[in-house]
Amino acid sequence: QTATAGVRQVVSGDPNAIGFISMGSINDEIKVLSVDGVEATEANIR
C-alpha cells in the first residue's frame, strides 16, 4: 500500500491480515498488538 490509510483499510477488512501503521493513525477499526508483551503507548516509548 502507498499510504498509511491504505494499510489500515486493508487490515480492517481482512480477518487474516497484518500490517504496521503510525500510532497517530490508530482508530477503532483495527486492533493494535503488544510487542514483546509491551503495549504501544507514549509512556512505554519514552
All heavy atoms as atom14 arrays in JSON, in Angstrom:
{
  "sequence": "QTATAGVRQVVSGDPNAIGFISMGSINDEIKVLSVDGVEATEANIR",
  "atom14_mask": [
    [1, 1, 1, 1, 1, 1, 1, 1, 1, 0, 0, 0, 0, 0],
    [1, 1, 1, 1, 1, 1, 1, 0, 0, 0, 0, 0, 0, 0],
    [1, 1, 1, 1, 1, 0, 0, 0, 0, 0, 0, 0, 0, 0],
    [1, 1, 1, 1, 1, 1, 1, 0, 0, 0, 0, 0, 0, 0],
    [1, 1, 1, 1, 1, 0, 0, 0, 0, 0, 0, 0, 0, 0],
    [1, 1, 1, 1, 0, 0, 0, 0, 0, 0, 0, 0, 0, 0],
    [1, 1, 1, 1, 1, 1, 1, 0, 0, 0, 0, 0, 0, 0],
    [1, 1, 1, 1, 1, 1, 1, 1, 1, 1, 1, 0, 0, 0],
    [1, 1, 1, 1, 1, 1, 1, 1, 1, 0, 0, 0, 0, 0],
    [1, 1, 1, 1, 1, 1, 1, 0, 0, 0, 0, 0, 0, 0],
    [1, 1, 1, 1, 1, 1, 1, 0, 0, 0, 0, 0, 0, 0],
    [1, 1, 1, 1, 1, 1, 0, 0, 0, 0, 0, 0, 0, 0],
    [1, 1, 1, 1, 0, 0, 0, 0, 0, 0, 0, 0, 0, 0],
    [1, 1, 1, 1, 1, 1, 1, 1, 0, 0, 0, 0, 0, 0],
    [1, 1, 1, 1, 1, 1, 1, 0, 0, 0, 0, 0, 0, 0],
    [1, 1, 1, 1, 1, 1, 1, 1, 0, 0, 0, 0, 0, 0],
    [1, 1, 1, 1, 1, 0, 0, 0, 0, 0, 0, 0, 0, 0],
    [1, 1, 1, 1, 1, 1, 1, 1, 0, 0, 0, 0, 0, 0],
    [1, 1, 1, 1, 0, 0, 0, 0, 0, 0, 0, 0, 0, 0],
    [1, 1, 1, 1, 1, 1, 1, 1, 1, 1, 1, 0, 0, 0],
    [1, 1, 1, 1, 1, 1, 1, 1, 0, 0, 0, 0, 0, 0],
    [1, 1, 1, 1, 1, 1, 0, 0, 0, 0, 0, 0, 0, 0],
    [1, 1, 1, 1, 1, 1, 1, 1, 0, 0, 0, 0, 0, 0],
    [1, 1, 1, 1, 0, 0, 0, 0, 0, 0, 0, 0, 0, 0],
    [1, 1, 1, 1, 1, 1, 0, 0, 0, 0, 0, 0, 0, 0],
    [1, 1, 1, 1, 1, 1, 1, 1, 0, 0, 0, 0, 0, 0],
    [1, 1, 1, 1, 1, 1, 1, 1, 0, 0, 0, 0, 0, 0],
    [1, 1, 1, 1, 1, 1, 1, 1, 0, 0, 0, 0, 0, 0],
    [1, 1, 1, 1, 1, 1, 1, 1, 1, 0, 0, 0, 0, 0],
    [1, 1, 1, 1, 1, 1, 1, 1, 0, 0, 0, 0, 0, 0],
    [1, 1, 1, 1, 1, 1, 1, 1, 1, 0, 0, 0, 0, 0],
    [1, 1, 1, 1, 1, 1, 1, 0, 0, 0, 0, 0, 0, 0],
    [1, 1, 1, 1, 1, 1, 1, 1, 0, 0, 0, 0, 0, 0],
    [1, 1, 1, 1, 1, 1, 0, 0, 0, 0, 0, 0, 0, 0],
    [1, 1, 1, 1, 1, 1, 1, 0, 0, 0, 0, 0, 0, 0],
    [1, 1, 1, 1, 1, 1, 1, 1, 0, 0, 0, 0, 0, 0],
    [1, 1, 1, 1, 0, 0, 0, 0, 0, 0, 0, 0, 0, 0],
    [1, 1, 1, 1, 1, 1, 1, 0, 0, 0, 0, 0, 0, 0],
    [1, 1, 1, 1, 1, 1, 1, 1, 1, 0, 0, 0, 0, 0],
    [1, 1, 1, 1, 1, 0, 0, 0, 0, 0, 0, 0, 0, 0],
    [1, 1, 1, 1, 1, 1, 1, 0, 0, 0, 0, 0, 0, 0],
    [1, 1, 1, 1, 1, 1, 1, 1, 1, 0, 0, 0, 0, 0],
    [1, 1, 1, 1, 1, 0, 0, 0, 0, 0, 0, 0, 0, 0],
    [1, 1, 1, 1, 1, 1, 1, 1, 0, 0, 0, 0, 0, 0],
    [1, 1, 1, 1, 1, 1, 1, 1, 0, 0, 0, 0, 0, 0],
    [1, 1, 1, 1, 1, 1, 1, 1, 1, 1, 1, 0, 0, 0]
  ],
  "atom14_positions": [
    [[0.84, -1.19, 0.0], [0.0, 0.0, 0.0], [0.88, 1.25, 0.0], [1.96, 1.26, 0.58], [-0.91, 0.01, 1.23], [-1.93, -1.11, 1.25], [-2.96, -0.98, 0.15], [-3.52, 0.11, -0.07], [-3.24, -2.07, -0.55], [0.0, 0.0, 0.0], [0.0, 0.0, 0.0], [0.0, 0.0, 0.0], [0.0, 0.0, 0.0], [0.0, 0.0, 0.0]],
    [[0.4, 2.31, -0.62], [1.2, 3.53, -0.77], [0.9, 4.59, 0.28], [1.45, 5.69, 0.21], [0.98, 4.14, -2.17], [-0.41, 4.44, -2.34], [1.44, 3.18, -3.26], [0.0, 0.0, 0.0], [0.0, 0.0, 0.0], [0.0, 0.0, 0.0], [0.0, 0.0, 0.0], [0.0, 0.0, 0.0], [0.0, 0.0, 0.0], [0.0, 0.0, 0.0]],
    [[0.06, 4.27, 1.25], [-0.25, 5.23, 2.31], [-0.71, 4.5, 3.56], [-1.19, 3.36, 3.49], [-1.33, 6.21, 1.86], [0.0, 0.0, 0.0], [0.0, 0.0, 0.0], [0.0, 0.0, 0.0], [0.0, 0.0, 0.0], [0.0, 0.0, 0.0], [0.0, 0.0, 0.0], [0.0, 0.0, 0.0], [0.0, 0.0, 0.0], [0.0, 0.0, 0.0]],
    [[-0.54, 5.16, 4.69], [-0.96, 4.6, 5.98], [-2.44, 4.21, 5.95], [-2.82, 3.13, 6.43], [-0.71, 5.63, 7.09], [0.69, 5.85, 7.22], [-1.26, 5.16, 8.42], [0.0, 0.0, 0.0], [0.0, 0.0, 0.0], [0.0, 0.0, 0.0], [0.0, 0.0, 0.0], [0.0, 0.0, 0.0], [0.0, 0.0, 0.0], [0.0, 0.0, 0.0]],
    [[-3.27, 5.08, 5.4], [-4.71, 4.81, 5.37], [-5.02, 3.55, 4.59], [-5.96, 2.81, 4.92], [-5.44, 6.0, 4.78], [0.0, 0.0, 0.0], [0.0, 0.0, 0.0], [0.0, 0.0, 0.0], [0.0, 0.0, 0.0], [0.0, 0.0, 0.0], [0.0, 0.0, 0.0], [0.0, 0.0, 0.0], [0.0, 0.0, 0.0], [0.0, 0.0, 0.0]],
    [[-4.23, 3.28, 3.54], [-4.44, 2.08, 2.75], [-4.17, 0.82, 3.53], [-4.92, -0.17, 3.45], [0.0, 0.0, 0.0], [0.0, 0.0, 0.0], [0.0, 0.0, 0.0], [0.0, 0.0, 0.0], [0.0, 0.0, 0.0], [0.0, 0.0, 0.0], [0.0, 0.0, 0.0], [0.0, 0.0, 0.0], [0.0, 0.0, 0.0], [0.0, 0.0, 0.0]],
    [[-3.08, 0.82, 4.31], [-2.76, -0.33, 5.16], [-3.88, -0.57, 6.17], [-4.35, -1.7, 6.35], [-1.42, -0.12, 5.89], [-1.15, -1.27, 6.86], [-0.27, 0.02, 4.9], [0.0, 0.0, 0.0], [0.0, 0.0, 0.0], [0.0, 0.0, 0.0], [0.0, 0.0, 0.0], [0.0, 0.0, 0.0], [0.0, 0.0, 0.0], [0.0, 0.0, 0.0]],
    [[-4.31, 0.49, 6.81], [-5.36, 0.37, 7.83], [-6.65, -0.17, 7.22], [-7.33, -1.02, 7.8], [-5.59, 1.73, 8.47], [-6.52, 1.71, 9.68], [-6.68, 3.11, 10.24], [-7.2, 4.02, 9.24], [-6.97, 5.34, 9.21], [-6.21, 5.89, 10.13], [-7.48, 6.09, 8.26], [0.0, 0.0, 0.0], [0.0, 0.0, 0.0], [0.0, 0.0, 0.0]],
    [[-7.0, 0.31, 6.04], [-8.23, -0.11, 5.38], [-8.19, -1.59, 5.02], [-9.18, -2.32, 5.23], [-8.48, 0.73, 4.13], [-9.78, 0.39, 3.41], [-10.03, 1.29, 2.21], [-9.19, 2.08, 1.82], [-11.21, 1.18, 1.63], [0.0, 0.0, 0.0], [0.0, 0.0, 0.0], [0.0, 0.0, 0.0], [0.0, 0.0, 0.0], [0.0, 0.0, 0.0]],
    [[-7.06, -2.04, 4.49], [-6.93, -3.45, 4.11], [-7.06, -4.34, 5.34], [-7.79, -5.34, 5.34], [-5.59, -3.71, 3.39], [-5.36, -5.21, 3.22], [-5.57, -3.03, 2.03], [0.0, 0.0, 0.0], [0.0, 0.0, 0.0], [0.0, 0.0, 0.0], [0.0, 0.0, 0.0], [0.0, 0.0, 0.0], [0.0, 0.0, 0.0], [0.0, 0.0, 0.0]],
    [[-6.34, -3.99, 6.41], [-6.36, -4.81, 7.62], [-7.75, -4.8, 8.26], [-8.22, -5.84, 8.74], [-5.3, -4.32, 8.63], [-5.43, -5.05, 9.96], [-3.91, -4.52, 8.05], [0.0, 0.0, 0.0], [0.0, 0.0, 0.0], [0.0, 0.0, 0.0], [0.0, 0.0, 0.0], [0.0, 0.0, 0.0], [0.0, 0.0, 0.0], [0.0, 0.0, 0.0]],
    [[-8.42, -3.68, 8.26], [-9.75, -3.6, 8.87], [-10.76, -4.47, 8.12], [-11.76, -4.91, 8.71], [-10.25, -2.15, 8.92], [-10.52, -1.66, 7.62], [0.0, 0.0, 0.0], [0.0, 0.0, 0.0], [0.0, 0.0, 0.0], [0.0, 0.0, 0.0], [0.0, 0.0, 0.0], [0.0, 0.0, 0.0], [0.0, 0.0, 0.0], [0.0, 0.0, 0.0]],
    [[-10.51, -4.73, 6.86], [-11.45, -5.52, 6.06], [-11.05, -6.96, 5.84], [-11.78, -7.71, 5.19], [0.0, 0.0, 0.0], [0.0, 0.0, 0.0], [0.0, 0.0, 0.0], [0.0, 0.0, 0.0], [0.0, 0.0, 0.0], [0.0, 0.0, 0.0], [0.0, 0.0, 0.0], [0.0, 0.0, 0.0], [0.0, 0.0, 0.0], [0.0, 0.0, 0.0]],
    [[-9.9, -7.38, 6.38], [-9.4, -8.74, 6.15], [-9.09, -9.39, 7.5], [-8.11, -9.02, 8.16], [-8.15, -8.69, 5.28], [-7.61, -10.07, 4.95], [-8.09, -11.07, 5.51], [-6.67, -10.15, 4.12], [0.0, 0.0, 0.0], [0.0, 0.0, 0.0], [0.0, 0.0, 0.0], [0.0, 0.0, 0.0], [0.0, 0.0, 0.0], [0.0, 0.0, 0.0]],
    [[-9.86, -10.39, 7.92], [-9.64, -11.03, 9.22], [-8.27, -11.69, 9.36], [-7.82, -11.94, 10.49], [-10.75, -12.09, 9.27], [-11.79, -11.63, 8.31], [-11.04, -10.92, 7.22], [0.0, 0.0, 0.0], [0.0, 0.0, 0.0], [0.0, 0.0, 0.0], [0.0, 0.0, 0.0], [0.0, 0.0, 0.0], [0.0, 0.0, 0.0], [0.0, 0.0, 0.0]],
    [[-7.6, -11.94, 8.25], [-6.31, -12.64, 8.29], [-5.11, -11.76, 7.98], [-4.01, -12.25, 7.8], [-6.35, -13.83, 7.32], [-7.46, -14.81, 7.65], [-7.67, -15.14, 8.81], [-8.2, -15.24, 6.63], [0.0, 0.0, 0.0], [0.0, 0.0, 0.0], [0.0, 0.0, 0.0], [0.0, 0.0, 0.0], [0.0, 0.0, 0.0], [0.0, 0.0, 0.0]],
    [[-5.32, -10.46, 7.94], [-4.25, -9.53, 7.56], [-3.46, -9.04, 8.76], [-3.96, -9.01, 9.89], [-4.82, -8.34, 6.8], [0.0, 0.0, 0.0], [0.0, 0.0, 0.0], [0.0, 0.0, 0.0], [0.0, 0.0, 0.0], [0.0, 0.0, 0.0], [0.0, 0.0, 0.0], [0.0, 0.0, 0.0], [0.0, 0.0, 0.0], [0.0, 0.0, 0.0]],
    [[-2.22, -8.65, 8.5], [-1.38, -7.98, 9.5], [-0.66, -6.84, 8.79], [-0.29, -6.95, 7.61], [-0.35, -8.95, 10.13], [0.43, -8.24, 11.26], [0.59, -9.54, 9.08], [1.31, -9.18, 12.07], [0.0, 0.0, 0.0], [0.0, 0.0, 0.0], [0.0, 0.0, 0.0], [0.0, 0.0, 0.0], [0.0, 0.0, 0.0], [0.0, 0.0, 0.0]],
    [[-0.49, -5.73, 9.49], [0.19, -4.58, 8.9], [0.83, -3.73, 9.99], [0.8, -4.08, 11.17], [0.0, 0.0, 0.0], [0.0, 0.0, 0.0], [0.0, 0.0, 0.0], [0.0, 0.0, 0.0], [0.0, 0.0, 0.0], [0.0, 0.0, 0.0], [0.0, 0.0, 0.0], [0.0, 0.0, 0.0], [0.0, 0.0, 0.0], [0.0, 0.0, 0.0]],
    [[1.41, -2.62, 9.58], [2.01, -1.68, 10.53], [1.72, -0.26, 10.08], [1.8, 0.04, 8.89], [3.52, -1.91, 10.68], [4.28, -1.98, 9.38], [4.8, -0.82, 8.8], [4.47, -3.19, 8.74], [5.49, -0.87, 7.6], [5.17, -3.24, 7.53], [5.68, -2.09, 6.95], [0.0, 0.0, 0.0], [0.0, 0.0, 0.0], [0.0, 0.0, 0.0]],
    [[1.34, 0.58, 11.03], [0.98, 1.96, 10.71], [1.49, 2.89, 11.81], [1.87, 2.45, 12.89], [-0.54, 2.15, 10.56], [-1.26, 1.84, 11.89], [-1.1, 1.31, 9.42], [-2.75, 2.19, 11.89], [0.0, 0.0, 0.0], [0.0, 0.0, 0.0], [0.0, 0.0, 0.0], [0.0, 0.0, 0.0], [0.0, 0.0, 0.0], [0.0, 0.0, 0.0]],
    [[1.45, 4.17, 11.53], [1.74, 5.19, 12.53], [0.74, 5.1, 13.67], [-0.46, 4.92, 13.46], [1.66, 6.57, 11.87], [1.45, 7.57, 12.82], [0.0, 0.0, 0.0], [0.0, 0.0, 0.0], [0.0, 0.0, 0.0], [0.0, 0.0, 0.0], [0.0, 0.0, 0.0], [0.0, 0.0, 0.0], [0.0, 0.0, 0.0], [0.0, 0.0, 0.0]],
    [[1.24, 5.23, 14.91], [0.33, 5.23, 16.06], [-0.62, 6.41, 16.02], [-1.7, 6.37, 16.61], [1.14, 5.22, 17.36], [1.67, 3.84, 17.72], [2.77, 3.81, 19.17], [1.72, 4.46, 20.45], [0.0, 0.0, 0.0], [0.0, 0.0, 0.0], [0.0, 0.0, 0.0], [0.0, 0.0, 0.0], [0.0, 0.0, 0.0], [0.0, 0.0, 0.0]],
    [[-0.23, 7.47, 15.32], [-1.11, 8.62, 15.17], [-2.3, 8.35, 14.27], [-3.22, 9.16, 14.21], [0.0, 0.0, 0.0], [0.0, 0.0, 0.0], [0.0, 0.0, 0.0], [0.0, 0.0, 0.0], [0.0, 0.0, 0.0], [0.0, 0.0, 0.0], [0.0, 0.0, 0.0], [0.0, 0.0, 0.0], [0.0, 0.0, 0.0], [0.0, 0.0, 0.0]],
    [[-2.28, 7.21, 13.57], [-3.37, 6.88, 12.65], [-4.23, 5.72, 13.15], [-5.04, 5.18, 12.42], [-2.78, 6.51, 11.27], [-2.1, 7.61, 10.72], [0.0, 0.0, 0.0], [0.0, 0.0, 0.0], [0.0, 0.0, 0.0], [0.0, 0.0, 0.0], [0.0, 0.0, 0.0], [0.0, 0.0, 0.0], [0.0, 0.0, 0.0], [0.0, 0.0, 0.0]],
    [[-4.04, 5.35, 14.42], [-4.85, 4.28, 15.0], [-6.3, 4.74, 15.14], [-6.57, 5.87, 15.53], [-4.31, 3.89, 16.39], [-2.93, 3.21, 16.27], [-5.28, 2.97, 17.12], [-2.25, 3.0, 17.6], [0.0, 0.0, 0.0], [0.0, 0.0, 0.0], [0.0, 0.0, 0.0], [0.0, 0.0, 0.0], [0.0, 0.0, 0.0], [0.0, 0.0, 0.0]],
    [[-7.24, 3.86, 14.8], [-8.65, 4.13, 15.08], [-9.31, 2.84, 15.56], [-8.64, 1.8, 15.72], [-9.37, 4.74, 13.87], [-9.4, 3.8, 12.67], [-9.19, 2.59, 12.78], [-9.66, 4.38, 11.51], [0.0, 0.0, 0.0], [0.0, 0.0, 0.0], [0.0, 0.0, 0.0], [0.0, 0.0, 0.0], [0.0, 0.0, 0.0], [0.0, 0.0, 0.0]],
    [[-10.6, 2.87, 15.78], [-11.29, 1.72, 16.35], [-11.65, 0.67, 15.32], [-12.36, -0.3, 15.62], [-12.53, 2.16, 17.13], [-13.53, 2.91, 16.27], [-13.32, 3.02, 15.04], [-14.54, 3.4, 16.82], [0.0, 0.0, 0.0], [0.0, 0.0, 0.0], [0.0, 0.0, 0.0], [0.0, 0.0, 0.0], [0.0, 0.0, 0.0], [0.0, 0.0, 0.0]],
    [[-11.15, 0.82, 14.08], [-11.44, -0.16, 13.03], [-10.47, -1.34, 13.06], [-10.72, -2.36, 12.41], [-11.38, 0.51, 11.65], [-12.42, 1.61, 11.45], [-12.23, 2.36, 10.14], [-11.25, 2.05, 9.42], [-13.05, 3.24, 9.85], [0.0, 0.0, 0.0], [0.0, 0.0, 0.0], [0.0, 0.0, 0.0], [0.0, 0.0, 0.0], [0.0, 0.0, 0.0]],
    [[-9.38, -1.21, 13.81], [-8.36, -2.25, 13.83], [-7.92, -2.53, 15.28], [-8.27, -1.78, 16.19], [-7.12, -1.86, 12.97], [-6.71, -0.38, 13.2], [-7.41, -2.07, 11.49], [-5.85, -0.14, 14.34], [0.0, 0.0, 0.0], [0.0, 0.0, 0.0], [0.0, 0.0, 0.0], [0.0, 0.0, 0.0], [0.0, 0.0, 0.0], [0.0, 0.0, 0.0]],
    [[-7.17, -3.62, 15.46], [-6.63, -3.97, 16.77], [-5.13, -3.73, 16.77], [-4.43, -4.12, 15.83], [-6.91, -5.43, 17.1], [-6.33, -5.88, 18.45], [-6.34, -7.39, 18.61], [-7.73, -7.94, 18.82], [-7.7, -9.4, 19.14], [0.0, 0.0, 0.0], [0.0, 0.0, 0.0], [0.0, 0.0, 0.0], [0.0, 0.0, 0.0], [0.0, 0.0, 0.0]],
    [[-4.64, -3.09, 17.84], [-3.21, -2.84, 17.98], [-2.62, -3.92, 18.89], [-3.12, -4.15, 20.0], [-2.95, -1.44, 18.57], [-1.45, -1.22, 18.77], [-3.54, -0.37, 17.67], [0.0, 0.0, 0.0], [0.0, 0.0, 0.0], [0.0, 0.0, 0.0], [0.0, 0.0, 0.0], [0.0, 0.0, 0.0], [0.0, 0.0, 0.0], [0.0, 0.0, 0.0]],
    [[-1.56, -4.57, 18.44], [-0.92, -5.63, 19.21], [0.15, -5.08, 20.14], [0.8, -4.09, 19.83], [-0.27, -6.65, 18.27], [-1.17, -7.37, 17.27], [-0.37, -8.39, 16.48], [-2.35, -8.04, 17.97], [0.0, 0.0, 0.0], [0.0, 0.0, 0.0], [0.0, 0.0, 0.0], [0.0, 0.0, 0.0], [0.0, 0.0, 0.0], [0.0, 0.0, 0.0]],
    [[0.33, -5.74, 21.27], [1.51, -5.51, 22.09], [2.7, -6.18, 21.4], [2.52, -7.14, 20.64], [1.33, -6.1, 23.49], [0.3, -5.44, 24.19], [0.0, 0.0, 0.0], [0.0, 0.0, 0.0], [0.0, 0.0, 0.0], [0.0, 0.0, 0.0], [0.0, 0.0, 0.0], [0.0, 0.0, 0.0], [0.0, 0.0, 0.0], [0.0, 0.0, 0.0]],
    [[3.88, -5.68, 21.65], [5.1, -6.26, 21.07], [6.02, -6.67, 22.21], [6.36, -5.84, 23.07], [5.8, -5.26, 20.13], [7.11, -5.86, 19.61], [4.89, -4.88, 18.97], [0.0, 0.0, 0.0], [0.0, 0.0, 0.0], [0.0, 0.0, 0.0], [0.0, 0.0, 0.0], [0.0, 0.0, 0.0], [0.0, 0.0, 0.0], [0.0, 0.0, 0.0]],
    [[6.4, -7.94, 22.22], [7.2, -8.48, 23.32], [6.54, -8.21, 24.66], [7.19, -7.94, 25.67], [8.62, -7.89, 23.31], [9.47, -8.45, 22.18], [9.24, -9.61, 21.78], [10.36, -7.73, 21.69], [0.0, 0.0, 0.0], [0.0, 0.0, 0.0], [0.0, 0.0, 0.0], [0.0, 0.0, 0.0], [0.0, 0.0, 0.0], [0.0, 0.0, 0.0]],
    [[5.2, -8.25, 24.67], [4.46, -8.07, 25.91], [4.31, -6.63, 26.35], [3.78, -6.38, 27.44], [0.0, 0.0, 0.0], [0.0, 0.0, 0.0], [0.0, 0.0, 0.0], [0.0, 0.0, 0.0], [0.0, 0.0, 0.0], [0.0, 0.0, 0.0], [0.0, 0.0, 0.0], [0.0, 0.0, 0.0], [0.0, 0.0, 0.0], [0.0, 0.0, 0.0]],
    [[4.73, -5.69, 25.53], [4.67, -4.27, 25.9], [3.64, -3.56, 25.04], [3.67, -3.64, 23.81], [6.05, -3.6, 25.73], [5.97, -2.12, 26.11], [7.11, -4.32, 26.56], [0.0, 0.0, 0.0], [0.0, 0.0, 0.0], [0.0, 0.0, 0.0], [0.0, 0.0, 0.0], [0.0, 0.0, 0.0], [0.0, 0.0, 0.0], [0.0, 0.0, 0.0]],
    [[2.73, -2.84, 25.68], [1.68, -2.11, 24.98], [2.27, -0.9, 24.24], [3.21, -0.27, 24.71], [0.63, -1.65, 25.98], [-0.62, -1.07, 25.36], [-1.65, -0.67, 26.4], [-1.43, -0.96, 27.6], [-2.66, -0.04, 26.02], [0.0, 0.0, 0.0], [0.0, 0.0, 0.0], [0.0, 0.0, 0.0], [0.0, 0.0, 0.0], [0.0, 0.0, 0.0]],
    [[1.69, -0.6, 23.11], [2.14, 0.53, 22.3], [1.57, 1.83, 22.86], [0.47, 2.25, 22.51], [1.71, 0.35, 20.84], [0.0, 0.0, 0.0], [0.0, 0.0, 0.0], [0.0, 0.0, 0.0], [0.0, 0.0, 0.0], [0.0, 0.0, 0.0], [0.0, 0.0, 0.0], [0.0, 0.0, 0.0], [0.0, 0.0, 0.0], [0.0, 0.0, 0.0]],
    [[2.33, 2.47, 23.76], [1.9, 3.73, 24.36], [3.07, 4.71, 24.38], [4.24, 4.3, 24.29], [1.41, 3.54, 25.81], [2.52, 3.13, 26.62], [0.3, 2.5, 25.88], [0.0, 0.0, 0.0], [0.0, 0.0, 0.0], [0.0, 0.0, 0.0], [0.0, 0.0, 0.0], [0.0, 0.0, 0.0], [0.0, 0.0, 0.0], [0.0, 0.0, 0.0]],
    [[2.74, 6.0, 24.56], [3.8, 7.01, 24.64], [4.71, 6.76, 25.84], [5.94, 6.86, 25.73], [3.19, 8.41, 24.76], [4.25, 9.49, 24.91], [3.67, 10.88, 25.13], [2.45, 11.01, 25.29], [4.48, 11.84, 25.14], [0.0, 0.0, 0.0], [0.0, 0.0, 0.0], [0.0, 0.0, 0.0], [0.0, 0.0, 0.0], [0.0, 0.0, 0.0]],
    [[4.11, 6.43, 26.97], [4.91, 6.19, 28.18], [5.92, 5.08, 27.95], [7.09, 5.19, 28.37], [4.0, 5.85, 29.35], [0.0, 0.0, 0.0], [0.0, 0.0, 0.0], [0.0, 0.0, 0.0], [0.0, 0.0, 0.0], [0.0, 0.0, 0.0], [0.0, 0.0, 0.0], [0.0, 0.0, 0.0], [0.0, 0.0, 0.0], [0.0, 0.0, 0.0]],
    [[5.5, 4.03, 27.27], [6.4, 2.91, 27.02], [7.46, 3.23, 25.98], [8.56, 2.67, 26.01], [5.6, 1.67, 26.62], [4.83, 1.08, 27.78], [5.19, 1.3, 28.94], [3.76, 0.36, 27.49], [0.0, 0.0, 0.0], [0.0, 0.0, 0.0], [0.0, 0.0, 0.0], [0.0, 0.0, 0.0], [0.0, 0.0, 0.0], [0.0, 0.0, 0.0]],
    [[7.14, 4.15, 25.06], [8.17, 4.62, 24.11], [9.22, 5.42, 24.86], [10.42, 5.21, 24.7], [7.53, 5.47, 22.99], [6.72, 4.58, 22.04], [8.61, 6.23, 22.21], [5.94, 5.34, 21.0], [0.0, 0.0, 0.0], [0.0, 0.0, 0.0], [0.0, 0.0, 0.0], [0.0, 0.0, 0.0], [0.0, 0.0, 0.0], [0.0, 0.0, 0.0]],
    [[8.77, 6.35, 25.71], [9.72, 7.23, 26.39], [10.54, 6.5, 27.46], [11.67, 6.89, 27.73], [8.98, 8.42, 26.99], [8.35, 9.33, 25.92], [8.03, 10.69, 26.45], [7.34, 11.51, 25.47], [7.92, 12.25, 24.53], [9.24, 12.26, 24.43], [7.2, 12.98, 23.7], [0.0, 0.0, 0.0], [0.0, 0.0, 0.0], [0.0, 0.0, 0.0]]
  ]
}
